[in-house]
All heavy atoms as atom14 arrays in JSON, in Angstrom:
{
  "sequence": "SRLGSDTYYDDAVKGRFTIFRDNAKNTVYLQMNGLKPEDA",
  "atom14_mask": [
    [1, 1, 1, 1, 1, 1, 0, 0, 0, 0, 0, 0, 0, 0],
    [1, 1, 1, 1, 1, 1, 1, 1, 1, 1, 1, 0, 0, 0],
    [1, 1, 1, 1, 1, 1, 1, 1, 0, 0, 0, 0, 0, 0],
    [1, 1, 1, 1, 0, 0, 0, 0, 0, 0, 0, 0, 0, 0],
    [1, 1, 1, 1, 1, 1, 0, 0, 0, 0, 0, 0, 0, 0],
    [1, 1, 1, 1, 1, 1, 1, 1, 0, 0, 0, 0, 0, 0],
    [1, 1, 1, 1, 1, 1, 1, 0, 0, 0, 0, 0, 0, 0],
    [1, 1, 1, 1, 1, 1, 1, 1, 1, 1, 1, 1, 0, 0],
    [1, 1, 1, 1, 1, 1, 1, 1, 1, 1, 1, 1, 0, 0],
    [1, 1, 1, 1, 1, 1, 1, 1, 0, 0, 0, 0, 0, 0],
    [1, 1, 1, 1, 1, 1, 1, 1, 0, 0, 0, 0, 0, 0],
    [1, 1, 1, 1, 1, 0, 0, 0, 0, 0, 0, 0, 0, 0],
    [1, 1, 1, 1, 1, 1, 1, 0, 0, 0, 0, 0, 0, 0],
    [1, 1, 1, 1, 1, 1, 1, 1, 1, 0, 0, 0, 0, 0],
    [1, 1, 1, 1, 0, 0, 0, 0, 0, 0, 0, 0, 0, 0],
    [1, 1, 1, 1, 1, 1, 1, 1, 1, 1, 1, 0, 0, 0],
    [1, 1, 1, 1, 1, 1, 1, 1, 1, 1, 1, 0, 0, 0],
    [1, 1, 1, 1, 1, 1, 1, 0, 0, 0, 0, 0, 0, 0],
    [1, 1, 1, 1, 1, 1, 1, 1, 0, 0, 0, 0, 0, 0],
    [1, 1, 1, 1, 1, 1, 1, 1, 1, 1, 1, 0, 0, 0],
    [1, 1, 1, 1, 1, 1, 1, 1, 1, 1, 1, 0, 0, 0],
    [1, 1, 1, 1, 1, 1, 1, 1, 0, 0, 0, 0, 0, 0],
    [1, 1, 1, 1, 1, 1, 1, 1, 0, 0, 0, 0, 0, 0],
    [1, 1, 1, 1, 1, 0, 0, 0, 0, 0, 0, 0, 0, 0],
    [1, 1, 1, 1, 1, 1, 1, 1, 1, 0, 0, 0, 0, 0],
    [1, 1, 1, 1, 1, 1, 1, 1, 0, 0, 0, 0, 0, 0],
    [1, 1, 1, 1, 1, 1, 1, 0, 0, 0, 0, 0, 0, 0],
    [1, 1, 1, 1, 1, 1, 1, 0, 0, 0, 0, 0, 0, 0],
    [1, 1, 1, 1, 1, 1, 1, 1, 1, 1, 1, 1, 0, 0],
    [1, 1, 1, 1, 1, 1, 1, 1, 0, 0, 0, 0, 0, 0],
    [1, 1, 1, 1, 1, 1, 1, 1, 1, 0, 0, 0, 0, 0],
    [1, 1, 1, 1, 1, 1, 1, 1, 0, 0, 0, 0, 0, 0],
    [1, 1, 1, 1, 1, 1, 1, 1, 0, 0, 0, 0, 0, 0],
    [1, 1, 1, 1, 0, 0, 0, 0, 0, 0, 0, 0, 0, 0],
    [1, 1, 1, 1, 1, 1, 1, 1, 0, 0, 0, 0, 0, 0],
    [1, 1, 1, 1, 1, 1, 1, 1, 1, 0, 0, 0, 0, 0],
    [1, 1, 1, 1, 1, 1, 1, 0, 0, 0, 0, 0, 0, 0],
    [1, 1, 1, 1, 1, 1, 1, 1, 1, 0, 0, 0, 0, 0],
    [1, 1, 1, 1, 1, 1, 1, 1, 0, 0, 0, 0, 0, 0],
    [1, 1, 1, 1, 1, 0, 0, 0, 0, 0, 0, 0, 0, 0]
  ],
  "atom14_positions": [
    [[71.99, -2.42, -66.11], [70.96, -1.79, -66.92], [70.46, -0.5, -66.27], [70.81, -0.18, -65.14], [69.8, -2.76, -67.15], [69.25, -3.17, -65.91], [0.0, 0.0, 0.0], [0.0, 0.0, 0.0], [0.0, 0.0, 0.0], [0.0, 0.0, 0.0], [0.0, 0.0, 0.0], [0.0, 0.0, 0.0], [0.0, 0.0, 0.0], [0.0, 0.0, 0.0]],
    [[69.62, 0.21, -67.0], [69.21, 1.56, -66.59], [68.65, 1.6, -65.16], [69.0, 2.47, -64.37], [68.15, 2.08, -67.54], [68.6, 2.31, -68.96], [67.42, 2.79, -69.79], [67.76, 3.06, -71.17], [67.41, 2.28, -72.19], [66.71, 1.2, -71.98], [67.74, 2.63, -73.42], [0.0, 0.0, 0.0], [0.0, 0.0, 0.0], [0.0, 0.0, 0.0]],
    [[67.77, 0.68, -64.86], [67.13, 0.71, -63.55], [67.74, -0.29, -62.57], [67.24, -0.46, -61.47], [65.62, 0.46, -63.7], [64.88, 1.49, -64.57], [63.39, 1.17, -64.61], [65.11, 2.9, -64.06], [0.0, 0.0, 0.0], [0.0, 0.0, 0.0], [0.0, 0.0, 0.0], [0.0, 0.0, 0.0], [0.0, 0.0, 0.0], [0.0, 0.0, 0.0]],
    [[68.79, -0.94, -63.02], [69.5, -1.86, -62.13], [68.92, -3.25, -62.06], [69.36, -4.06, -61.24], [0.0, 0.0, 0.0], [0.0, 0.0, 0.0], [0.0, 0.0, 0.0], [0.0, 0.0, 0.0], [0.0, 0.0, 0.0], [0.0, 0.0, 0.0], [0.0, 0.0, 0.0], [0.0, 0.0, 0.0], [0.0, 0.0, 0.0], [0.0, 0.0, 0.0]],
    [[67.96, -3.56, -62.93], [67.31, -4.86, -62.85], [68.19, -5.98, -63.4], [68.0, -7.15, -63.07], [65.98, -4.83, -63.6], [66.18, -4.42, -64.93], [0.0, 0.0, 0.0], [0.0, 0.0, 0.0], [0.0, 0.0, 0.0], [0.0, 0.0, 0.0], [0.0, 0.0, 0.0], [0.0, 0.0, 0.0], [0.0, 0.0, 0.0], [0.0, 0.0, 0.0]],
    [[69.14, -5.61, -64.25], [70.0, -6.62, -64.88], [71.47, -6.23, -64.73], [71.83, -5.07, -64.93], [69.67, -6.77, -66.36], [68.25, -7.25, -66.58], [67.93, -8.36, -66.14], [67.47, -6.48, -67.18], [0.0, 0.0, 0.0], [0.0, 0.0, 0.0], [0.0, 0.0, 0.0], [0.0, 0.0, 0.0], [0.0, 0.0, 0.0], [0.0, 0.0, 0.0]],
    [[72.27, -7.21, -64.41], [73.72, -7.0, -64.34], [74.43, -8.07, -65.16], [73.89, -9.18, -65.35], [74.24, -7.04, -62.89], [73.78, -8.25, -62.26], [73.75, -5.84, -62.1], [0.0, 0.0, 0.0], [0.0, 0.0, 0.0], [0.0, 0.0, 0.0], [0.0, 0.0, 0.0], [0.0, 0.0, 0.0], [0.0, 0.0, 0.0], [0.0, 0.0, 0.0]],
    [[75.59, -7.74, -65.62], [76.37, -8.61, -66.5], [77.82, -8.54, -66.05], [78.32, -7.46, -65.71], [76.25, -8.13, -67.96], [74.84, -7.88, -68.4], [74.2, -6.67, -68.15], [74.12, -8.87, -69.07], [72.91, -6.44, -68.54], [72.81, -8.64, -69.47], [72.21, -7.43, -69.2], [70.92, -7.21, -69.59], [0.0, 0.0, 0.0], [0.0, 0.0, 0.0]],
    [[78.49, -9.67, -66.08], [79.88, -9.71, -65.62], [80.73, -10.56, -66.55], [80.28, -11.56, -67.09], [79.96, -10.31, -64.21], [79.18, -9.55, -63.18], [77.88, -9.92, -62.84], [79.73, -8.43, -62.55], [77.16, -9.21, -61.91], [79.0, -7.71, -61.61], [77.72, -8.11, -61.3], [77.0, -7.4, -60.37], [0.0, 0.0, 0.0], [0.0, 0.0, 0.0]],
    [[81.98, -10.14, -66.67], [82.93, -10.99, -67.35], [83.22, -12.19, -66.46], [83.17, -12.1, -65.23], [84.22, -10.21, -67.62], [85.21, -11.01, -68.42], [85.07, -11.06, -69.65], [86.14, -11.6, -67.8], [0.0, 0.0, 0.0], [0.0, 0.0, 0.0], [0.0, 0.0, 0.0], [0.0, 0.0, 0.0], [0.0, 0.0, 0.0], [0.0, 0.0, 0.0]],
    [[83.53, -13.3, -67.09], [83.79, -14.52, -66.33], [84.93, -14.35, -65.33], [84.96, -15.01, -64.29], [84.11, -15.67, -67.28], [82.88, -16.19, -68.0], [81.76, -15.86, -67.58], [83.05, -16.9, -69.02], [0.0, 0.0, 0.0], [0.0, 0.0, 0.0], [0.0, 0.0, 0.0], [0.0, 0.0, 0.0], [0.0, 0.0, 0.0], [0.0, 0.0, 0.0]],
    [[85.88, -13.47, -65.64], [87.04, -13.31, -64.78], [86.69, -12.72, -63.42], [87.45, -12.89, -62.45], [88.07, -12.42, -65.47], [0.0, 0.0, 0.0], [0.0, 0.0, 0.0], [0.0, 0.0, 0.0], [0.0, 0.0, 0.0], [0.0, 0.0, 0.0], [0.0, 0.0, 0.0], [0.0, 0.0, 0.0], [0.0, 0.0, 0.0], [0.0, 0.0, 0.0]],
    [[85.55, -12.04, -63.33], [85.19, -11.38, -62.08], [83.88, -11.9, -61.5], [83.51, -11.52, -60.37], [85.09, -9.85, -62.26], [86.37, -9.3, -62.88], [83.89, -9.46, -63.11], [0.0, 0.0, 0.0], [0.0, 0.0, 0.0], [0.0, 0.0, 0.0], [0.0, 0.0, 0.0], [0.0, 0.0, 0.0], [0.0, 0.0, 0.0], [0.0, 0.0, 0.0]],
    [[83.2, -12.73, -62.23], [81.9, -13.24, -61.78], [82.04, -13.94, -60.43], [82.95, -14.74, -60.22], [81.33, -14.19, -62.83], [79.85, -14.42, -62.74], [79.37, -15.23, -63.95], [79.49, -14.44, -65.23], [78.97, -15.19, -66.41], [0.0, 0.0, 0.0], [0.0, 0.0, 0.0], [0.0, 0.0, 0.0], [0.0, 0.0, 0.0], [0.0, 0.0, 0.0]],
    [[81.15, -13.6, -59.53], [81.19, -14.19, -58.2], [82.06, -13.42, -57.22], [81.98, -13.64, -56.0], [0.0, 0.0, 0.0], [0.0, 0.0, 0.0], [0.0, 0.0, 0.0], [0.0, 0.0, 0.0], [0.0, 0.0, 0.0], [0.0, 0.0, 0.0], [0.0, 0.0, 0.0], [0.0, 0.0, 0.0], [0.0, 0.0, 0.0], [0.0, 0.0, 0.0]],
    [[82.89, -12.51, -57.73], [83.74, -11.7, -56.85], [83.34, -10.22, -56.88], [83.46, -9.52, -55.87], [85.21, -11.82, -57.27], [85.76, -13.23, -57.17], [87.26, -13.26, -57.42], [87.61, -12.82, -58.78], [88.4, -11.79, -59.03], [88.95, -11.1, -58.05], [88.68, -11.47, -60.28], [0.0, 0.0, 0.0], [0.0, 0.0, 0.0], [0.0, 0.0, 0.0]],
    [[82.89, -9.75, -58.03], [82.53, -8.34, -58.2], [81.01, -8.21, -58.29], [80.34, -9.09, -58.85], [83.15, -7.78, -59.48], [84.65, -7.61, -59.46], [85.44, -8.15, -58.46], [85.26, -6.88, -60.46], [86.81, -8.0, -58.45], [86.64, -6.71, -60.47], [87.41, -7.28, -59.47], [0.0, 0.0, 0.0], [0.0, 0.0, 0.0], [0.0, 0.0, 0.0]],
    [[80.51, -7.1, -57.78], [79.08, -6.81, -57.84], [78.88, -5.36, -58.25], [79.54, -4.46, -57.7], [78.42, -7.05, -56.47], [78.65, -8.39, -56.05], [76.92, -6.8, -56.55], [0.0, 0.0, 0.0], [0.0, 0.0, 0.0], [0.0, 0.0, 0.0], [0.0, 0.0, 0.0], [0.0, 0.0, 0.0], [0.0, 0.0, 0.0], [0.0, 0.0, 0.0]],
    [[77.98, -5.15, -59.18], [77.64, -3.8, -59.61], [76.23, -3.48, -59.14], [75.32, -4.31, -59.28], [77.7, -3.67, -61.14], [79.12, -3.97, -61.64], [77.28, -2.27, -61.59], [79.22, -4.03, -63.15], [0.0, 0.0, 0.0], [0.0, 0.0, 0.0], [0.0, 0.0, 0.0], [0.0, 0.0, 0.0], [0.0, 0.0, 0.0], [0.0, 0.0, 0.0]],
    [[76.05, -2.3, -58.58], [74.73, -1.84, -58.21], [74.68, -0.33, -58.38], [75.72, 0.33, -58.51], [74.34, -2.28, -56.8], [75.28, -1.85, -55.71], [74.98, -0.77, -54.9], [76.47, -2.54, -55.47], [75.84, -0.37, -53.88], [77.33, -2.15, -54.46], [77.02, -1.07, -53.67], [0.0, 0.0, 0.0], [0.0, 0.0, 0.0], [0.0, 0.0, 0.0]],
    [[73.47, 0.19, -58.41], [73.34, 1.62, -58.66], [72.28, 2.23, -57.76], [71.33, 1.56, -57.35], [73.02, 1.89, -60.14], [71.69, 1.39, -60.64], [71.61, 1.46, -62.17], [71.68, 2.84, -62.65], [71.9, 3.15, -63.93], [72.1, 2.21, -64.83], [71.92, 4.43, -64.3], [0.0, 0.0, 0.0], [0.0, 0.0, 0.0], [0.0, 0.0, 0.0]],
    [[72.44, 3.53, -57.53], [71.47, 4.33, -56.8], [71.15, 5.51, -57.69], [71.89, 6.51, -57.72], [72.07, 4.77, -55.46], [71.08, 5.53, -54.61], [70.08, 6.02, -55.14], [71.32, 5.65, -53.39], [0.0, 0.0, 0.0], [0.0, 0.0, 0.0], [0.0, 0.0, 0.0], [0.0, 0.0, 0.0], [0.0, 0.0, 0.0], [0.0, 0.0, 0.0]],
    [[70.06, 5.41, -58.42], [69.74, 6.48, -59.38], [69.36, 7.79, -58.68], [69.5, 8.86, -59.26], [68.62, 6.03, -60.31], [69.12, 5.06, -61.36], [70.33, 4.92, -61.6], [68.21, 4.35, -62.01], [0.0, 0.0, 0.0], [0.0, 0.0, 0.0], [0.0, 0.0, 0.0], [0.0, 0.0, 0.0], [0.0, 0.0, 0.0], [0.0, 0.0, 0.0]],
    [[68.92, 7.69, -57.45], [68.6, 8.92, -56.71], [69.88, 9.72, -56.43], [69.83, 10.94, -56.28], [67.9, 8.58, -55.41], [0.0, 0.0, 0.0], [0.0, 0.0, 0.0], [0.0, 0.0, 0.0], [0.0, 0.0, 0.0], [0.0, 0.0, 0.0], [0.0, 0.0, 0.0], [0.0, 0.0, 0.0], [0.0, 0.0, 0.0], [0.0, 0.0, 0.0]],
    [[71.0, 9.02, -56.37], [72.28, 9.67, -56.13], [73.12, 9.78, -57.4], [74.28, 10.2, -57.33], [73.07, 8.91, -55.07], [72.42, 8.91, -53.7], [73.29, 8.2, -52.67], [72.65, 8.26, -51.3], [73.48, 7.55, -50.28], [0.0, 0.0, 0.0], [0.0, 0.0, 0.0], [0.0, 0.0, 0.0], [0.0, 0.0, 0.0], [0.0, 0.0, 0.0]],
    [[72.55, 9.35, -58.53], [73.28, 9.39, -59.8], [74.63, 8.69, -59.69], [75.66, 9.17, -60.23], [73.5, 10.83, -60.27], [72.26, 11.43, -60.9], [71.2, 10.83, -60.89], [72.39, 12.63, -61.41], [0.0, 0.0, 0.0], [0.0, 0.0, 0.0], [0.0, 0.0, 0.0], [0.0, 0.0, 0.0], [0.0, 0.0, 0.0], [0.0, 0.0, 0.0]],
    [[74.64, 7.55, -59.03], [75.9, 6.85, -58.76], [75.76, 5.35, -59.02], [74.73, 4.76, -58.69], [76.35, 7.09, -57.32], [76.49, 8.5, -57.09], [77.7, 6.41, -57.05], [0.0, 0.0, 0.0], [0.0, 0.0, 0.0], [0.0, 0.0, 0.0], [0.0, 0.0, 0.0], [0.0, 0.0, 0.0], [0.0, 0.0, 0.0], [0.0, 0.0, 0.0]],
    [[76.8, 4.81, -59.62], [76.92, 3.36, -59.78], [78.15, 2.9, -59.01], [79.16, 3.6, -58.97], [77.05, 2.97, -61.27], [77.44, 1.52, -61.43], [75.76, 3.26, -62.01], [0.0, 0.0, 0.0], [0.0, 0.0, 0.0], [0.0, 0.0, 0.0], [0.0, 0.0, 0.0], [0.0, 0.0, 0.0], [0.0, 0.0, 0.0], [0.0, 0.0, 0.0]],
    [[78.06, 1.72, -58.45], [79.13, 1.19, -57.61], [79.66, -0.12, -58.18], [78.9, -0.9, -58.77], [78.62, 0.94, -56.2], [78.03, 2.17, -55.55], [76.66, 2.41, -55.64], [78.82, 3.06, -54.84], [76.1, 3.54, -55.06], [78.27, 4.19, -54.26], [76.91, 4.42, -54.37], [76.37, 5.54, -53.79], [0.0, 0.0, 0.0], [0.0, 0.0, 0.0]],
    [[80.93, -0.33, -57.97], [81.55, -1.61, -58.3], [82.21, -2.13, -57.03], [83.24, -1.61, -56.59], [82.59, -1.45, -59.4], [83.39, -2.71, -59.78], [82.47, -3.77, -60.36], [84.51, -2.38, -60.76], [0.0, 0.0, 0.0], [0.0, 0.0, 0.0], [0.0, 0.0, 0.0], [0.0, 0.0, 0.0], [0.0, 0.0, 0.0], [0.0, 0.0, 0.0]],
    [[81.57, -3.11, -56.43], [82.1, -3.74, -55.23], [83.01, -4.88, -55.65], [82.57, -5.82, -56.33], [80.97, -4.27, -54.35], [81.44, -5.01, -53.1], [82.15, -4.1, -52.12], [81.71, -2.98, -51.87], [83.26, -4.56, -51.55], [0.0, 0.0, 0.0], [0.0, 0.0, 0.0], [0.0, 0.0, 0.0], [0.0, 0.0, 0.0], [0.0, 0.0, 0.0]],
    [[84.25, -4.81, -55.24], [85.24, -5.8, -55.65], [85.75, -6.54, -54.42], [86.37, -5.94, -53.54], [86.41, -5.12, -56.38], [85.98, -4.31, -57.58], [87.36, -3.59, -58.48], [87.91, -2.37, -57.29], [0.0, 0.0, 0.0], [0.0, 0.0, 0.0], [0.0, 0.0, 0.0], [0.0, 0.0, 0.0], [0.0, 0.0, 0.0], [0.0, 0.0, 0.0]],
    [[85.47, -7.82, -54.36], [85.91, -8.67, -53.27], [86.88, -9.73, -53.79], [86.89, -10.02, -54.99], [84.71, -9.36, -52.61], [83.73, -8.39, -52.01], [84.1, -7.29, -51.57], [82.46, -8.77, -51.99], [0.0, 0.0, 0.0], [0.0, 0.0, 0.0], [0.0, 0.0, 0.0], [0.0, 0.0, 0.0], [0.0, 0.0, 0.0], [0.0, 0.0, 0.0]],
    [[87.66, -10.28, -52.91], [88.59, -11.33, -53.33], [89.53, -10.88, -54.41], [89.81, -11.62, -55.36], [0.0, 0.0, 0.0], [0.0, 0.0, 0.0], [0.0, 0.0, 0.0], [0.0, 0.0, 0.0], [0.0, 0.0, 0.0], [0.0, 0.0, 0.0], [0.0, 0.0, 0.0], [0.0, 0.0, 0.0], [0.0, 0.0, 0.0], [0.0, 0.0, 0.0]],
    [[90.07, -9.67, -54.26], [90.91, -9.12, -55.32], [92.18, -9.93, -55.52], [92.77, -10.44, -54.55], [91.25, -7.66, -55.0], [90.1, -6.69, -55.32], [90.27, -5.39, -54.56], [90.01, -6.46, -56.81], [0.0, 0.0, 0.0], [0.0, 0.0, 0.0], [0.0, 0.0, 0.0], [0.0, 0.0, 0.0], [0.0, 0.0, 0.0], [0.0, 0.0, 0.0]],
    [[92.57, -10.03, -56.75], [93.76, -10.77, -57.16], [94.75, -9.8, -57.81], [94.33, -8.76, -58.34], [93.38, -11.86, -58.16], [92.31, -12.83, -57.68], [91.93, -13.79, -58.79], [90.84, -14.76, -58.34], [90.46, -15.69, -59.43], [0.0, 0.0, 0.0], [0.0, 0.0, 0.0], [0.0, 0.0, 0.0], [0.0, 0.0, 0.0], [0.0, 0.0, 0.0]],
    [[96.01, -10.14, -57.82], [96.98, -9.26, -58.49], [96.61, -8.97, -59.94], [96.86, -7.86, -60.43], [98.28, -10.05, -58.38], [98.13, -10.85, -57.13], [96.66, -11.24, -57.1], [0.0, 0.0, 0.0], [0.0, 0.0, 0.0], [0.0, 0.0, 0.0], [0.0, 0.0, 0.0], [0.0, 0.0, 0.0], [0.0, 0.0, 0.0], [0.0, 0.0, 0.0]],
    [[96.0, -9.92, -60.61], [95.61, -9.71, -62.01], [94.44, -8.76, -62.18], [94.09, -8.4, -63.29], [95.32, -11.04, -62.71], [94.31, -11.91, -62.0], [94.97, -12.97, -61.12], [95.96, -12.65, -60.42], [94.47, -14.12, -61.12], [0.0, 0.0, 0.0], [0.0, 0.0, 0.0], [0.0, 0.0, 0.0], [0.0, 0.0, 0.0], [0.0, 0.0, 0.0]],
    [[93.81, -8.36, -61.08], [92.74, -7.35, -61.15], [93.3, -5.94, -61.18], [92.54, -4.98, -61.41], [91.8, -7.48, -59.94], [91.01, -8.77, -59.94], [90.54, -9.19, -61.01], [90.86, -9.36, -58.85], [0.0, 0.0, 0.0], [0.0, 0.0, 0.0], [0.0, 0.0, 0.0], [0.0, 0.0, 0.0], [0.0, 0.0, 0.0], [0.0, 0.0, 0.0]],
    [[94.58, -5.79, -60.94], [95.18, -4.46, -60.92], [95.08, -3.81, -62.29], [95.44, -4.41, -63.31], [96.64, -4.55, -60.5], [0.0, 0.0, 0.0], [0.0, 0.0, 0.0], [0.0, 0.0, 0.0], [0.0, 0.0, 0.0], [0.0, 0.0, 0.0], [0.0, 0.0, 0.0], [0.0, 0.0, 0.0], [0.0, 0.0, 0.0], [0.0, 0.0, 0.0]]
  ]
}
């Protein structure tokens, strides 16, 4: 969400991927852990 208070994930990535944002830097990040070949 706009201020980062809410995040939503597809079931396929839930628990492995994390989204966060830094509005001061105008940047959103997608941290991907436990990557699988099907994530390619």
